[in-house]
């Protein structure tokens, strides 16, 4: 009885195996569709490679952004694209979009959004945070009451310097609800410097 050798895996099977080994699930998912287009002459070999790599990169970038938003406590995604500038005609749209270029972060400048409740301060600050995350910068969102409470607890536990370093670590620290201060000595000290409702985005 003659032995029959198994045929060698096809090139597509090898590519699938390699994509699994390289942990490229989106490229693996798109492979069959891209190969069909390649066989029909709709794509060149370089274009096929470009599509597979682009699909995988997009998946990884989306995953990175989601993780960074979660770690930065930016649960609600708010963008400048959906901000209603018509509702706030006094707002300088060009200036806001200049801020979205994030030069103020590199210059270590503080940005304050001032105005009464419901005017979009938190939306704008969070939108800048989203732009910073997309640009690969670290961001952390907190409210002033939470910030003060955290520092107060750390002071009682003799870990104040460690906690201060934690808040200084991100490239962009967003502090919301500056108007709503807890009743404490630390809060009273802070309220003397800014009693105007504000959302700050500062390093």
C-alpha atoms as a PDB file:
ATOM      1  CA  UNK A   1       0.000   0.000   0.000  1.00  0.00           C
ATOM      2  CA  UNK A   2       1.483   3.320  -0.997  1.00  0.00           C
ATOM      3  CA  UNK A   3       1.506   6.194   1.448  1.00  0.00           C
ATOM      4  CA  UNK A   4      -0.049   9.436   0.354  1.00  0.00           C
ATOM      5  CA  UNK A   5       1.640  12.607   1.521  1.00  0.00           C
ATOM      6  CA  UNK A   6      -0.548  15.465   2.619  1.00  0.00           C
ATOM      7  CA  UNK A   7      -0.278  18.359   0.217  1.00  0.00           C
ATOM      8  CA  UNK A   8       1.693  21.354   1.420  1.00  0.00           C
ATOM      9  CA  UNK A   9      -0.440  24.091   2.870  1.00  0.00           C
ATOM     10  CA  UNK A  10      -1.360  26.671   0.298  1.00  0.00           C
ATOM     11  CA  UNK A  11       0.165  30.111   0.421  1.00  0.00           C
ATOM     12  CA  UNK A  12      -3.127  31.520   1.713  1.00  0.00           C
ATOM     13  CA  UNK A  13      -3.097  28.987   4.549  1.00  0.00           C
ATOM     14  CA  UNK A  14       0.456  29.996   5.417  1.00  0.00           C
ATOM     15  CA  UNK A  15      -0.519  33.663   5.392  1.00  0.00           C
ATOM     16  CA  UNK A  16      -3.467  32.911   7.661  1.00  0.00           C
ATOM     17  CA  UNK A  17      -1.170  31.025  10.005  1.00  0.00           C
ATOM     18  CA  UNK A  18       1.317  33.908  10.018  1.00  0.00           C
ATOM     19  CA  UNK A  19      -1.401  36.491  10.690  1.00  0.00           C
ATOM     20  CA  UNK A  20      -2.583  34.446  13.661  1.00  0.00           C
ATOM     21  CA  UNK A  21       0.988  34.208  14.943  1.00  0.00           C
ATOM     22  CA  UNK A  22       1.468  37.939  14.497  1.00  0.00           C
ATOM     23  CA  UNK A  23      -1.823  38.605  16.303  1.00  0.00           C
ATOM     24  CA  UNK A  24      -3.359  40.506  13.392  1.00  0.00           C
ATOM     25  CA  UNK A  25      -7.072  39.569  13.654  1.00  0.00           C
ATOM     26  CA  UNK A  26      -8.425  42.374  11.471  1.00  0.00           C
ATOM     27  CA  UNK A  27      -6.026  41.578   8.636  1.00  0.00           C
ATOM     28  CA  UNK A  28      -6.987  37.904   8.963  1.00  0.00           C
ATOM     29  CA  UNK A  29     -10.664  38.800   8.775  1.00  0.00           C
ATOM     30  CA  UNK A  30     -10.137  40.921   5.655  1.00  0.00           C
ATOM     31  CA  UNK A  31      -7.771  38.499   3.909  1.00  0.00           C
ATOM     32  CA  UNK A  32     -10.295  36.488   1.854  1.00  0.00           C
ATOM     33  CA  UNK A  33     -12.046  39.598   0.536  1.00  0.00           C
ATOM     34  CA  UNK A  34      -8.744  41.228  -0.388  1.00  0.00           C
ATOM     35  CA  UNK A  35      -7.520  38.056  -2.138  1.00  0.00           C
ATOM     36  CA  UNK A  36     -10.728  37.877  -4.186  1.00  0.00           C
ATOM     37  CA  UNK A  37     -10.248  41.475  -5.318  1.00  0.00           C
ATOM     38  CA  UNK A  38      -6.627  40.680  -6.110  1.00  0.00           C
ATOM     39  CA  UNK A  39      -7.642  37.648  -8.208  1.00  0.00           C
ATOM     40  CA  UNK A  40     -10.190  39.742 -10.110  1.00  0.00           C
ATOM     41  CA  UNK A  41      -7.530  42.287 -10.976  1.00  0.00           C
ATOM     42  CA  UNK A  42      -9.086  45.018  -8.859  1.00  0.00           C
ATOM     43  CA  UNK A  43      -5.946  45.426  -6.758  1.00  0.00           C
ATOM     44  CA  UNK A  44      -2.227  45.217  -7.237  1.00  0.00           C
ATOM     45  CA  UNK A  45      -0.136  43.174  -4.809  1.00  0.00           C
ATOM     46  CA  UNK A  46       1.106  46.335  -3.092  1.00  0.00           C
ATOM     47  CA  UNK A  47      -2.431  47.671  -2.769  1.00  0.00           C
ATOM     48  CA  UNK A  48      -3.542  44.393  -1.211  1.00  0.00           C
ATOM     49  CA  UNK A  49      -0.729  44.557   1.337  1.00  0.00           C
ATOM     50  CA  UNK A  50      -1.547  48.195   2.042  1.00  0.00           C
ATOM     51  CA  UNK A  51      -5.223  47.397   2.705  1.00  0.00           C
ATOM     52  CA  UNK A  52      -4.418  44.537   5.072  1.00  0.00           C
ATOM     53  CA  UNK A  53      -1.933  46.614   7.053  1.00  0.00           C
ATOM     54  CA  UNK A  54      -4.254  49.628   7.129  1.00  0.00           C
ATOM     55  CA  UNK A  55      -7.154  47.523   8.408  1.00  0.00           C
ATOM     56  CA  UNK A  56      -5.000  46.092  11.188  1.00  0.00           C
ATOM     57  CA  UNK A  57      -3.549  49.471  12.105  1.00  0.00           C
ATOM     58  CA  UNK A  58      -7.035  50.997  12.309  1.00  0.00           C
ATOM     59  CA  UNK A  59      -8.163  48.236  14.670  1.00  0.00           C
ATOM     60  CA  UNK A  60      -5.132  48.692  16.916  1.00  0.00           C
ATOM     61  CA  UNK A  61      -5.497  52.465  16.922  1.00  0.00           C
ATOM     62  CA  UNK A  62      -9.161  52.220  17.899  1.00  0.00           C
ATOM     63  CA  UNK A  63      -8.225  49.811  20.667  1.00  0.00           C
ATOM     64  CA  UNK A  64      -5.482  52.144  21.892  1.00  0.00           C
ATOM     65  CA  UNK A  65      -7.853  55.105  21.965  1.00  0.00           C
ATOM     66  CA  UNK A  66     -10.547  53.167  23.826  1.00  0.00           C
ATOM     67  CA  UNK A  67      -8.015  52.015  26.432  1.00  0.00           C
ATOM     68  CA  UNK A  68      -6.581  55.512  26.843  1.00  0.00           C
ATOM     69  CA  UNK A  69     -10.052  57.018  27.235  1.00  0.00           C
ATOM     70  CA  UNK A  70     -10.929  54.440  29.873  1.00  0.00           C
ATOM     71  CA  UNK A  71      -7.666  54.926  31.772  1.00  0.00           C
ATOM     72  CA  UNK A  72      -8.108  58.695  31.558  1.00  0.00           C
ATOM     73  CA  UNK A  73     -11.680  58.472  32.896  1.00  0.00           C
ATOM     74  CA  UNK A  74     -13.091  60.042  29.747  1.00  0.00           C
ATOM     75  CA  UNK A  75     -16.175  57.854  29.736  1.00  0.00           C
ATOM     76  CA  UNK A  76     -18.411  60.114  27.656  1.00  0.00           C
ATOM     77  CA  UNK A  77     -16.844  60.810  24.270  1.00  0.00           C
ATOM     78  CA  UNK A  78     -17.571  64.382  23.224  1.00  0.00           C
ATOM     79  CA  UNK A  79     -16.007  65.870  20.127  1.00  0.00           C
ATOM     80  CA  UNK A  80     -15.715  69.290  18.562  1.00  0.00           C
ATOM     81  CA  UNK A  81     -17.484  67.925  15.476  1.00  0.00           C
ATOM     82  CA  UNK A  82     -20.780  67.697  17.375  1.00  0.00           C
ATOM     83  CA  UNK A  83     -20.406  70.857  19.454  1.00  0.00           C
ATOM     84  CA  UNK A  84     -23.181  73.359  18.712  1.00  0.00           C
ATOM     85  CA  UNK A  85     -21.296  76.578  17.962  1.00  0.00           C
ATOM     86  CA  UNK A  86     -24.537  78.182  16.780  1.00  0.00           C
ATOM     87  CA  UNK A  87     -25.902  77.792  20.313  1.00  0.00           C
ATOM     88  CA  UNK A  88     -22.851  79.718  21.566  1.00  0.00           C
ATOM     89  CA  UNK A  89     -22.357  82.490  18.957  1.00  0.00           C
ATOM     90  CA  UNK A  90     -20.014  84.444  21.249  1.00  0.00           C
ATOM     91  CA  UNK A  91     -17.529  81.562  21.214  1.00  0.00           C
ATOM     92  CA  UNK A  92     -14.521  82.008  18.914  1.00  0.00           C
ATOM     93  CA  UNK A  93     -14.731  78.857  16.780  1.00  0.00           C
ATOM     94  CA  UNK A  94     -11.321  79.406  15.173  1.00  0.00           C
ATOM     95  CA  UNK A  95      -9.688  79.800  18.556  1.00  0.00           C
ATOM     96  CA  UNK A  96     -11.219  76.543  19.793  1.00  0.00           C
ATOM     97  CA  UNK A  97      -9.973  74.645  16.758  1.00  0.00           C
ATOM     98  CA  UNK A  98      -6.548  76.194  17.269  1.00  0.00           C
ATOM     99  CA  UNK A  99      -6.599  74.788  20.798  1.00  0.00           C
ATOM    100  CA  UNK A 100      -7.437  71.404  19.290  1.00  0.00           C
ATOM    101  CA  UNK A 101      -4.023  71.454  17.624  1.00  0.00           C
ATOM    102  CA  UNK A 102      -2.738  70.969  21.200  1.00  0.00           C
ATOM    103  CA  UNK A 103       0.108  73.458  21.093  1.00  0.00           C
ATOM    104  CA  UNK A 104      -0.858  74.620  24.584  1.00  0.00           C
ATOM    105  CA  UNK A 105       0.105  71.188  25.947  1.00  0.00           C
ATOM    106  CA  UNK A 106       3.635  71.407  24.555  1.00  0.00           C
ATOM    107  CA  UNK A 107       3.916  74.943  25.956  1.00  0.00           C
ATOM    108  CA  UNK A 108       2.646  73.726  29.377  1.00  0.00           C
ATOM    109  CA  UNK A 109      -0.139  76.310  29.338  1.00  0.00           C
ATOM    110  CA  UNK A 110      -3.443  76.198  31.224  1.00  0.00           C
ATOM    111  CA  UNK A 111      -6.736  76.669  29.369  1.00  0.00           C
ATOM    112  CA  UNK A 112      -9.879  77.774  31.204  1.00  0.00           C
ATOM    113  CA  UNK A 113     -13.445  77.627  29.900  1.00  0.00           C
ATOM    114  CA  UNK A 114     -15.531  80.125  31.827  1.00  0.00           C
ATOM    115  CA  UNK A 115     -19.273  80.631  31.794  1.00  0.00           C
ATOM    116  CA  UNK A 116     -22.553  79.771  33.492  1.00  0.00           C
ATOM    117  CA  UNK A 117     -23.787  76.176  33.732  1.00  0.00           C
ATOM    118  CA  UNK A 118     -24.979  74.544  30.526  1.00  0.00           C
ATOM    119  CA  UNK A 119     -22.805  76.511  28.125  1.00  0.00           C
ATOM    120  CA  UNK A 120     -20.640  73.632  26.956  1.00  0.00           C
ATOM    121  CA  UNK A 121     -17.514  74.042  29.098  1.00  0.00           C
ATOM    122  CA  UNK A 122     -17.275  70.364  29.976  1.00  0.00           C
ATOM    123  CA  UNK A 123     -17.974  69.384  26.375  1.00  0.00           C
ATOM    124  CA  UNK A 124     -15.127  71.548  25.079  1.00  0.00           C
ATOM    125  CA  UNK A 125     -12.650  70.386  27.706  1.00  0.00           C
ATOM    126  CA  UNK A 126     -13.516  66.736  27.075  1.00  0.00           C
ATOM    127  CA  UNK A 127     -13.264  67.284  23.317  1.00  0.00           C
ATOM    128  CA  UNK A 128      -9.736  68.623  23.754  1.00  0.00           C
ATOM    129  CA  UNK A 129      -8.982  65.552  25.842  1.00  0.00           C
ATOM    130  CA  UNK A 130     -10.242  63.336  23.031  1.00  0.00           C
ATOM    131  CA  UNK A 131      -8.035  65.135  20.519  1.00  0.00           C
ATOM    132  CA  UNK A 132      -5.057  64.704  22.846  1.00  0.00           C
ATOM    133  CA  UNK A 133      -5.713  60.967  23.182  1.00  0.00           C
ATOM    134  CA  UNK A 134      -5.904  60.602  19.397  1.00  0.00           C
ATOM    135  CA  UNK A 135      -2.553  62.399  19.179  1.00  0.00           C
ATOM    136  CA  UNK A 136      -1.014  59.839  21.529  1.00  0.00           C
ATOM    137  CA  UNK A 137      -0.858  62.065  24.599  1.00  0.00           C
ATOM    138  CA  UNK A 138      -1.818  60.871  28.069  1.00  0.00           C
ATOM    139  CA  UNK A 139      -4.961  62.442  29.530  1.00  0.00           C
ATOM    140  CA  UNK A 140      -6.696  62.262  32.888  1.00  0.00           C
ATOM    141  CA  UNK A 141     -10.138  63.665  33.710  1.00  0.00           C
ATOM    142  CA  UNK A 142     -11.332  64.551  37.181  1.00  0.00           C
ATOM    143  CA  UNK A 143     -13.600  67.016  38.938  1.00  0.00           C
ATOM    144  CA  UNK A 144     -12.309  69.558  41.414  1.00  0.00           C
ATOM    145  CA  UNK A 145     -14.245  67.988  44.319  1.00  0.00           C
ATOM    146  CA  UNK A 146     -12.737  64.591  43.488  1.00  0.00           C
ATOM    147  CA  UNK A 147      -9.290  66.121  43.090  1.00  0.00           C
ATOM    148  CA  UNK A 148      -9.464  67.870  46.457  1.00  0.00           C
ATOM    149  CA  UNK A 149     -10.903  64.799  48.148  1.00  0.00           C
ATOM    150  CA  UNK A 150      -8.145  62.619  46.752  1.00  0.00           C
ATOM    151  CA  UNK A 151      -5.427  65.021  47.872  1.00  0.00           C
ATOM    152  CA  UNK A 152      -6.986  65.366  51.315  1.00  0.00           C
ATOM    153  CA  UNK A 153      -7.080  61.599  51.791  1.00  0.00           C
ATOM    154  CA  UNK A 154      -3.506  61.288  50.604  1.00  0.00           C
ATOM    155  CA  UNK A 155      -2.410  63.970  53.032  1.00  0.00           C
ATOM    156  CA  UNK A 156      -4.040  62.106  55.934  1.00  0.00           C
ATOM    157  CA  UNK A 157      -2.300  58.923  54.768  1.00  0.00           C
ATOM    158  CA  UNK A 158       1.008  60.801  54.396  1.00  0.00           C
ATOM    159  CA  UNK A 159       1.074  60.102  50.651  1.00  0.00           C
ATOM    160  CA  UNK A 160       0.419  63.628  49.429  1.00  0.00           C
ATOM    161  CA  UNK A 161       3.568  64.010  47.294  1.00  0.00           C
ATOM    162  CA  UNK A 162       2.909  60.668  45.642  1.00  0.00           C
ATOM    163  CA  UNK A 163      -0.630  61.727  44.745  1.00  0.00           C
ATOM    164  CA  UNK A 164       0.534  65.085  43.432  1.00  0.00           C
ATOM    165  CA  UNK A 165       2.990  63.275  41.170  1.00  0.00           C
ATOM    166  CA  UNK A 166       0.102  61.103  39.939  1.00  0.00           C
ATOM    167  CA  UNK A 167      -1.889  64.155  38.853  1.00  0.00           C
ATOM    168  CA  UNK A 168       1.192  65.724  37.265  1.00  0.00           C
ATOM    169  CA  UNK A 169       1.978  62.613  35.230  1.00  0.00           C
ATOM    170  CA  UNK A 170      -0.491  62.982  32.313  1.00  0.00           C
ATOM    171  CA  UNK A 171       0.279  65.363  29.475  1.00  0.00           C
ATOM    172  CA  UNK A 172      -3.198  66.845  29.905  1.00  0.00           C
ATOM    173  CA  UNK A 173      -5.100  67.071  33.183  1.00  0.00           C
ATOM    174  CA  UNK A 174      -8.746  68.097  32.797  1.00  0.00           C
ATOM    175  CA  UNK A 175     -10.401  69.463  35.929  1.00  0.00           C
ATOM    176  CA  UNK A 176     -14.163  69.898  35.722  1.00  0.00           C
ATOM    177  CA  UNK A 177     -16.799  71.333  38.077  1.00  0.00           C
ATOM    178  CA  UNK A 178     -14.548  73.991  39.576  1.00  0.00           C
ATOM    179  CA  UNK A 179     -17.613  75.774  40.885  1.00  0.00           C
ATOM    180  CA  UNK A 180     -18.767  72.801  42.958  1.00  0.00           C
ATOM    181  CA  UNK A 181     -16.354  72.664  45.849  1.00  0.00           C
ATOM    182  CA  UNK A 182     -16.742  70.408  48.890  1.00  0.00           C
ATOM    183  CA  UNK A 183     -17.020  71.992  52.287  1.00  0.00           C
ATOM    184  CA  UNK A 184     -13.505  71.662  53.613  1.00  0.00           C
ATOM    185  CA  UNK A 185     -10.543  73.795  54.526  1.00  0.00           C
ATOM    186  CA  UNK A 186      -8.730  72.739  51.353  1.00  0.00           C
ATOM    187  CA  UNK A 187     -11.751  73.620  49.235  1.00  0.00           C
ATOM    188  CA  UNK A 188     -12.088  77.024  50.876  1.00  0.00           C
ATOM    189  CA  UNK A 189      -8.472  77.735  50.038  1.00  0.00           C
ATOM    190  CA  UNK A 190      -9.014  76.800  46.383  1.00  0.00           C
ATOM    191  CA  UNK A 191     -12.274  78.697  46.059  1.00  0.00           C
ATOM    192  CA  UNK A 192     -10.558  81.944  46.906  1.00  0.00           C
ATOM    193  CA  UNK A 193      -8.534  81.730  43.682  1.00  0.00           C
ATOM    194  CA  UNK A 194     -11.423  80.914  41.323  1.00  0.00           C
ATOM    195  CA  UNK A 195     -15.071  81.271  42.162  1.00  0.00           C
ATOM    196  CA  UNK A 196     -16.170  81.444  38.532  1.00  0.00           C
ATOM    197  CA  UNK A 197     -17.609  78.268  36.991  1.00  0.00           C
ATOM    198  CA  UNK A 198     -14.817  76.842  34.865  1.00  0.00           C
ATOM    199  CA  UNK A 199     -13.459  73.747  33.285  1.00  0.00           C
ATOM    200  CA  UNK A 200      -9.699  73.793  33.007  1.00  0.00           C
ATOM    201  CA  UNK A 201      -7.510  71.764  30.733  1.00  0.00           C
ATOM    202  CA  UNK A 202      -3.995  72.099  32.004  1.00  0.00           C
ATOM    203  CA  UNK A 203      -0.793  70.238  32.405  1.00  0.00           C
END
